[in-house]
Every structure is written in structure tokens, then in C-alpha cells.
Amino acid sequence: MADHIKIRPAEGTWVVRAGGAVLGESDRALELTEGDYPAVIYFPREDIAMEFLDPSDKTSTCPYKGQASYFSIVTKSTTLKDAVWTYESPKEGVEAIADHLAFYATEQVAIERV
């Protein structure tokens, strides 16, 4: 793993909401910090209501974490395109984030410790 990436259990219980719905809640989330970037909370996939997510064709590559694939969040009123990402087969050293989902925090998506 790159020395500038740290993964640890996220303290407490975390919730993600979009479009007035709770998409997931977890006391097993992970916190990933990468250099000077803000920490990112990764939720175990089994703690997320996957029926709100549609797979996207988008992919991106991080030199440290590997190839990310994306999901869009489907709410009652809108679709939030490519709002969620995951590393299905992360690189060596960051395997802990496999089977986890991260969400872009926006005006429509809230990620909070409860």
C-alpha cells in the first residue's frame, strides 16, 4: 500500500441518505485517508440498500487503489449519476475496501456519523 493511504475502522455508526431515503447504515464502515484529501467513508455493500443503485458504465483508475466502477443513485425524483464508487479488486495493500461502497457527498447525498 502507498504510505500516504491509511484504512481503519470508522468509529461509531454511519448513515448515508439521498432523496429523503436512508440508503444504508453501518457500524462496520471503514475510513480511508489519502494524503491531504478529506477522509472517505466506505460502507460494506451488505449494509447498503442496493435496490437504490444502478450500475454505471463509468470506470476510473487510481494508481494506488486500482480500477473503480460506479453506480448511480435512483431516488423518487431524480437519478444521481455516478454518485457511488467501488473497487471490486483493489490493489495489494488496500484489499480492505473490496466489497465496500463510497458515496460522493453533495447537496443531495449526506454521509453522517450518527
N, C-alpha and C. Protein backbone atom coordinates (compact mmCIF):
# COMPACT_ATOMS: atom_id res chain seq x y z
N MET A 1 0.86 -1.18 0.00
CA MET A 1 0.00 0.00 0.00
C MET A 1 0.90 1.23 0.00
N ALA A 2 0.42 2.24 -0.66
CA ALA A 2 1.13 3.51 -0.65
C ALA A 2 1.15 4.05 0.78
N ASP A 3 2.27 4.60 1.17
CA ASP A 3 2.42 5.09 2.55
C ASP A 3 1.44 6.20 2.89
N HIS A 4 0.92 6.89 1.88
CA HIS A 4 0.03 8.02 2.14
C HIS A 4 -1.44 7.59 2.27
N ILE A 5 -1.74 6.30 2.17
CA ILE A 5 -3.12 5.79 2.32
C ILE A 5 -3.22 5.03 3.63
N LYS A 6 -4.21 5.39 4.43
CA LYS A 6 -4.48 4.72 5.70
C LYS A 6 -5.94 4.26 5.70
N ILE A 7 -6.16 3.02 6.10
CA ILE A 7 -7.52 2.48 6.22
C ILE A 7 -7.69 1.98 7.65
N ARG A 8 -8.78 2.40 8.28
CA ARG A 8 -9.06 1.97 9.65
C ARG A 8 -10.57 1.90 9.83
N PRO A 9 -11.02 1.17 10.85
CA PRO A 9 -12.46 1.16 11.12
C PRO A 9 -12.95 2.58 11.42
N ALA A 10 -14.07 2.96 10.84
CA ALA A 10 -14.67 4.28 11.12
C ALA A 10 -15.39 4.16 12.46
N GLU A 11 -15.07 5.05 13.37
CA GLU A 11 -15.66 4.99 14.70
C GLU A 11 -17.15 5.31 14.65
N GLY A 12 -17.94 4.57 15.40
CA GLY A 12 -19.37 4.83 15.52
C GLY A 12 -20.18 4.22 14.40
N THR A 13 -21.40 4.71 14.29
CA THR A 13 -22.34 4.26 13.27
C THR A 13 -22.48 5.35 12.22
N TRP A 14 -22.44 4.94 10.96
CA TRP A 14 -22.52 5.87 9.84
C TRP A 14 -23.76 5.60 9.02
N VAL A 15 -24.35 6.67 8.48
CA VAL A 15 -25.54 6.55 7.64
C VAL A 15 -25.32 7.36 6.36
N VAL A 16 -25.91 6.86 5.28
CA VAL A 16 -25.89 7.61 4.02
C VAL A 16 -27.34 7.77 3.57
N ARG A 17 -27.71 9.01 3.20
CA ARG A 17 -29.08 9.34 2.77
C ARG A 17 -29.04 10.04 1.42
N ALA A 18 -30.08 9.80 0.63
CA ALA A 18 -30.24 10.51 -0.64
C ALA A 18 -31.71 10.54 -0.99
N GLY A 19 -32.18 11.67 -1.49
CA GLY A 19 -33.56 11.79 -1.92
C GLY A 19 -34.57 11.50 -0.83
N GLY A 20 -34.22 11.81 0.41
CA GLY A 20 -35.14 11.58 1.52
C GLY A 20 -35.15 10.14 2.03
N ALA A 21 -34.33 9.27 1.46
CA ALA A 21 -34.29 7.87 1.87
C ALA A 21 -32.94 7.53 2.50
N VAL A 22 -32.99 6.65 3.47
CA VAL A 22 -31.76 6.11 4.03
C VAL A 22 -31.30 4.98 3.12
N LEU A 23 -30.12 5.12 2.54
CA LEU A 23 -29.58 4.09 1.66
C LEU A 23 -28.84 3.02 2.44
N GLY A 24 -28.33 3.40 3.60
CA GLY A 24 -27.61 2.43 4.39
C GLY A 24 -27.16 3.00 5.72
N GLU A 25 -26.92 2.07 6.64
CA GLU A 25 -26.41 2.41 7.97
C GLU A 25 -25.46 1.31 8.38
N SER A 26 -24.32 1.69 8.94
CA SER A 26 -23.33 0.68 9.28
C SER A 26 -22.50 1.08 10.48
N ASP A 27 -22.22 0.08 11.31
CA ASP A 27 -21.23 0.26 12.37
C ASP A 27 -19.95 -0.50 12.01
N ARG A 28 -19.86 -0.89 10.73
CA ARG A 28 -18.70 -1.62 10.22
C ARG A 28 -18.01 -0.88 9.07
N ALA A 29 -18.29 0.41 8.95
CA ALA A 29 -17.71 1.21 7.85
C ALA A 29 -16.20 1.37 8.06
N LEU A 30 -15.52 1.66 6.97
CA LEU A 30 -14.09 1.93 7.00
C LEU A 30 -13.84 3.38 6.65
N GLU A 31 -12.80 3.95 7.23
CA GLU A 31 -12.38 5.31 6.92
C GLU A 31 -11.05 5.23 6.18
N LEU A 32 -11.02 5.78 4.97
CA LEU A 32 -9.79 5.81 4.18
C LEU A 32 -9.31 7.24 4.09
N THR A 33 -8.08 7.46 4.48
CA THR A 33 -7.45 8.76 4.29
C THR A 33 -6.31 8.59 3.30
N GLU A 34 -6.19 9.56 2.42
CA GLU A 34 -5.18 9.52 1.37
C GLU A 34 -4.52 10.89 1.30
N GLY A 35 -3.32 10.96 1.83
CA GLY A 35 -2.59 12.23 1.82
C GLY A 35 -3.37 13.33 2.50
N ASP A 36 -3.49 14.47 1.82
CA ASP A 36 -4.19 15.63 2.36
C ASP A 36 -5.67 15.68 1.99
N TYR A 37 -6.16 14.66 1.28
CA TYR A 37 -7.57 14.64 0.89
C TYR A 37 -8.45 14.38 2.12
N PRO A 38 -9.70 14.86 2.08
CA PRO A 38 -10.61 14.54 3.19
C PRO A 38 -10.83 13.03 3.29
N ALA A 39 -11.08 12.55 4.49
CA ALA A 39 -11.35 11.13 4.71
C ALA A 39 -12.60 10.71 3.93
N VAL A 40 -12.60 9.47 3.45
CA VAL A 40 -13.74 8.89 2.74
C VAL A 40 -14.23 7.70 3.54
N ILE A 41 -15.55 7.63 3.72
CA ILE A 41 -16.17 6.51 4.43
C ILE A 41 -16.59 5.47 3.40
N TYR A 42 -16.16 4.24 3.60
CA TYR A 42 -16.53 3.11 2.75
C TYR A 42 -17.48 2.21 3.53
N PHE A 43 -18.68 2.01 2.97
CA PHE A 43 -19.71 1.20 3.60
C PHE A 43 -19.65 -0.23 3.07
N PRO A 44 -19.76 -1.23 3.96
CA PRO A 44 -19.87 -2.60 3.45
C PRO A 44 -21.10 -2.71 2.54
N ARG A 45 -20.93 -3.36 1.42
CA ARG A 45 -22.01 -3.48 0.43
C ARG A 45 -23.28 -4.06 1.06
N GLU A 46 -23.12 -5.03 1.96
CA GLU A 46 -24.30 -5.67 2.55
C GLU A 46 -25.08 -4.74 3.48
N ASP A 47 -24.51 -3.60 3.83
CA ASP A 47 -25.21 -2.63 4.68
C ASP A 47 -25.91 -1.54 3.86
N ILE A 48 -25.87 -1.65 2.54
CA ILE A 48 -26.48 -0.66 1.65
C ILE A 48 -27.67 -1.28 0.92
N ALA A 49 -28.76 -0.52 0.80
CA ALA A 49 -29.94 -0.96 0.05
C ALA A 49 -29.62 -0.85 -1.44
N MET A 50 -29.13 -1.94 -2.00
CA MET A 50 -28.66 -1.94 -3.38
C MET A 50 -29.78 -1.67 -4.39
N GLU A 51 -31.04 -1.82 -3.99
CA GLU A 51 -32.14 -1.54 -4.93
C GLU A 51 -32.20 -0.07 -5.32
N PHE A 52 -31.52 0.81 -4.58
CA PHE A 52 -31.47 2.23 -4.94
C PHE A 52 -30.34 2.53 -5.92
N LEU A 53 -29.49 1.55 -6.21
CA LEU A 53 -28.30 1.79 -7.03
C LEU A 53 -28.39 1.05 -8.36
N ASP A 54 -28.04 1.76 -9.42
CA ASP A 54 -27.96 1.18 -10.76
C ASP A 54 -26.51 1.20 -11.22
N PRO A 55 -25.98 0.06 -11.68
CA PRO A 55 -24.61 0.06 -12.17
C PRO A 55 -24.44 1.04 -13.33
N SER A 56 -23.29 1.68 -13.37
CA SER A 56 -22.95 2.64 -14.41
C SER A 56 -21.88 2.03 -15.31
N ASP A 57 -21.72 2.59 -16.49
CA ASP A 57 -20.64 2.16 -17.39
C ASP A 57 -19.31 2.85 -17.05
N LYS A 58 -19.37 3.85 -16.19
CA LYS A 58 -18.17 4.62 -15.87
C LYS A 58 -17.17 3.78 -15.08
N THR A 59 -15.90 3.97 -15.41
CA THR A 59 -14.80 3.43 -14.62
C THR A 59 -13.73 4.50 -14.52
N SER A 60 -12.87 4.36 -13.54
CA SER A 60 -11.70 5.22 -13.42
C SER A 60 -10.60 4.38 -12.78
N THR A 61 -9.38 4.88 -12.87
CA THR A 61 -8.26 4.12 -12.32
C THR A 61 -7.45 5.02 -11.39
N CYS A 62 -7.20 4.50 -10.20
CA CYS A 62 -6.31 5.14 -9.24
C CYS A 62 -5.00 4.34 -9.24
N PRO A 63 -3.87 5.01 -9.34
CA PRO A 63 -2.61 4.26 -9.36
C PRO A 63 -2.34 3.49 -8.07
N TYR A 64 -3.02 3.86 -6.98
CA TYR A 64 -2.79 3.23 -5.69
C TYR A 64 -3.87 2.23 -5.29
N LYS A 65 -5.11 2.47 -5.74
CA LYS A 65 -6.22 1.61 -5.32
C LYS A 65 -6.70 0.68 -6.43
N GLY A 66 -6.48 1.02 -7.68
CA GLY A 66 -6.89 0.18 -8.79
C GLY A 66 -8.05 0.77 -9.57
N GLN A 67 -8.80 -0.10 -10.25
CA GLN A 67 -9.92 0.35 -11.09
C GLN A 67 -11.20 0.44 -10.27
N ALA A 68 -11.84 1.59 -10.36
CA ALA A 68 -13.12 1.82 -9.69
C ALA A 68 -14.26 1.67 -10.69
N SER A 69 -15.35 1.10 -10.25
CA SER A 69 -16.58 1.10 -11.03
C SER A 69 -17.61 1.92 -10.25
N TYR A 70 -18.66 2.35 -10.94
CA TYR A 70 -19.58 3.33 -10.38
C TYR A 70 -21.03 2.85 -10.43
N PHE A 71 -21.84 3.47 -9.57
CA PHE A 71 -23.29 3.28 -9.53
C PHE A 71 -23.94 4.65 -9.53
N SER A 72 -25.14 4.72 -10.07
CA SER A 72 -25.98 5.91 -9.94
C SER A 72 -27.03 5.62 -8.87
N ILE A 73 -27.40 6.66 -8.14
CA ILE A 73 -28.44 6.52 -7.12
C ILE A 73 -29.76 6.93 -7.74
N VAL A 74 -30.76 6.06 -7.65
CA VAL A 74 -32.09 6.33 -8.19
C VAL A 74 -33.01 6.68 -7.02
N THR A 75 -33.50 7.93 -7.02
CA THR A 75 -34.45 8.37 -5.98
C THR A 75 -35.82 8.54 -6.62
N LYS A 76 -36.80 8.90 -5.82
CA LYS A 76 -38.15 9.12 -6.36
C LYS A 76 -38.19 10.24 -7.39
N SER A 77 -37.34 11.25 -7.19
CA SER A 77 -37.43 12.43 -8.05
C SER A 77 -36.31 12.58 -9.07
N THR A 78 -35.19 11.86 -8.89
CA THR A 78 -34.07 12.07 -9.80
C THR A 78 -33.11 10.88 -9.78
N THR A 79 -32.20 10.88 -10.70
CA THR A 79 -31.09 9.92 -10.71
C THR A 79 -29.80 10.70 -10.53
N LEU A 80 -29.03 10.32 -9.53
CA LEU A 80 -27.76 10.96 -9.24
C LEU A 80 -26.67 10.13 -9.90
N LYS A 81 -26.27 10.59 -11.06
CA LYS A 81 -25.37 9.82 -11.93
C LYS A 81 -23.97 9.67 -11.33
N ASP A 82 -23.50 8.43 -11.33
CA ASP A 82 -22.12 8.11 -10.91
C ASP A 82 -21.80 8.66 -9.52
N ALA A 83 -22.74 8.55 -8.60
CA ALA A 83 -22.60 9.12 -7.26
C ALA A 83 -21.93 8.18 -6.26
N VAL A 84 -21.67 6.94 -6.69
CA VAL A 84 -21.13 5.91 -5.80
C VAL A 84 -20.00 5.21 -6.54
N TRP A 85 -18.94 4.88 -5.82
CA TRP A 85 -17.87 4.11 -6.46
C TRP A 85 -17.44 2.96 -5.57
N THR A 86 -16.81 1.98 -6.22
CA THR A 86 -16.33 0.80 -5.52
C THR A 86 -15.10 0.26 -6.23
N TYR A 87 -14.24 -0.37 -5.48
CA TYR A 87 -13.09 -1.08 -6.04
C TYR A 87 -13.35 -2.56 -5.86
N GLU A 88 -13.75 -3.22 -6.94
CA GLU A 88 -14.09 -4.65 -6.87
C GLU A 88 -12.86 -5.51 -6.58
N SER A 89 -11.74 -5.15 -7.17
CA SER A 89 -10.48 -5.89 -6.99
C SER A 89 -9.37 -4.89 -6.70
N PRO A 90 -9.37 -4.32 -5.49
CA PRO A 90 -8.38 -3.29 -5.20
C PRO A 90 -6.95 -3.84 -5.20
N LYS A 91 -6.02 -2.94 -5.35
CA LYS A 91 -4.60 -3.32 -5.37
C LYS A 91 -4.15 -3.83 -4.01
N GLU A 92 -3.02 -4.51 -4.04
CA GLU A 92 -2.43 -5.04 -2.82
C GLU A 92 -2.20 -3.90 -1.81
N GLY A 93 -2.56 -4.17 -0.59
CA GLY A 93 -2.40 -3.19 0.48
C GLY A 93 -3.67 -2.44 0.81
N VAL A 94 -4.63 -2.41 -0.12
CA VAL A 94 -5.91 -1.73 0.16
C VAL A 94 -7.08 -2.70 -0.01
N GLU A 95 -6.79 -3.99 0.12
CA GLU A 95 -7.83 -5.02 -0.07
C GLU A 95 -9.00 -4.84 0.87
N ALA A 96 -8.83 -4.17 1.98
CA ALA A 96 -9.91 -3.99 2.96
C ALA A 96 -11.13 -3.28 2.36
N ILE A 97 -10.93 -2.47 1.30
CA ILE A 97 -12.07 -1.74 0.74
C ILE A 97 -12.84 -2.55 -0.31
N ALA A 98 -12.39 -3.77 -0.60
CA ALA A 98 -13.16 -4.64 -1.51
C ALA A 98 -14.54 -4.86 -0.90
N ASP A 99 -15.56 -4.97 -1.74
CA ASP A 99 -16.94 -5.17 -1.29
C ASP A 99 -17.46 -4.02 -0.43
N HIS A 100 -16.90 -2.84 -0.62
CA HIS A 100 -17.36 -1.63 0.06
C HIS A 100 -17.73 -0.59 -0.99
N LEU A 101 -18.60 0.34 -0.59
CA LEU A 101 -19.07 1.41 -1.46
C LEU A 101 -18.78 2.76 -0.81
N ALA A 102 -18.35 3.71 -1.62
CA ALA A 102 -18.14 5.08 -1.16
C ALA A 102 -19.07 6.00 -1.95
N PHE A 103 -19.52 7.07 -1.31
CA PHE A 103 -20.51 7.99 -1.87
C PHE A 103 -19.93 9.39 -1.94
N TYR A 104 -20.19 10.09 -3.06
CA TYR A 104 -19.83 11.49 -3.15
C TYR A 104 -20.81 12.29 -2.29
N ALA A 105 -20.29 13.04 -1.34
CA ALA A 105 -21.13 13.91 -0.52
C ALA A 105 -21.48 15.15 -1.35
N THR A 106 -22.78 15.38 -1.53
CA THR A 106 -23.27 16.51 -2.31
C THR A 106 -24.46 17.11 -1.58
N GLU A 107 -25.12 18.08 -2.22
CA GLU A 107 -26.35 18.62 -1.64
C GLU A 107 -27.43 17.55 -1.54
N GLN A 108 -27.38 16.55 -2.44
CA GLN A 108 -28.40 15.50 -2.47
C GLN A 108 -28.01 14.24 -1.69
N VAL A 109 -26.73 14.11 -1.35
CA VAL A 109 -26.24 12.90 -0.67
C VAL A 109 -25.55 13.31 0.62
N ALA A 110 -26.04 12.77 1.74
CA ALA A 110 -25.47 13.08 3.05
C ALA A 110 -24.84 11.82 3.64
N ILE A 111 -23.63 11.96 4.12
CA ILE A 111 -22.92 10.88 4.80
C ILE A 111 -22.60 11.39 6.20
N GLU A 112 -23.17 10.75 7.21
CA GLU A 112 -23.08 11.28 8.55
C GLU A 112 -22.82 10.20 9.58
N ARG A 113 -22.09 10.58 10.60
CA ARG A 113 -21.94 9.73 11.77
C ARG A 113 -23.12 10.02 12.70
N VAL A 114 -23.81 8.97 13.11
CA VAL A 114 -24.99 9.17 13.98
C VAL A 114 -24.74 8.65 15.38
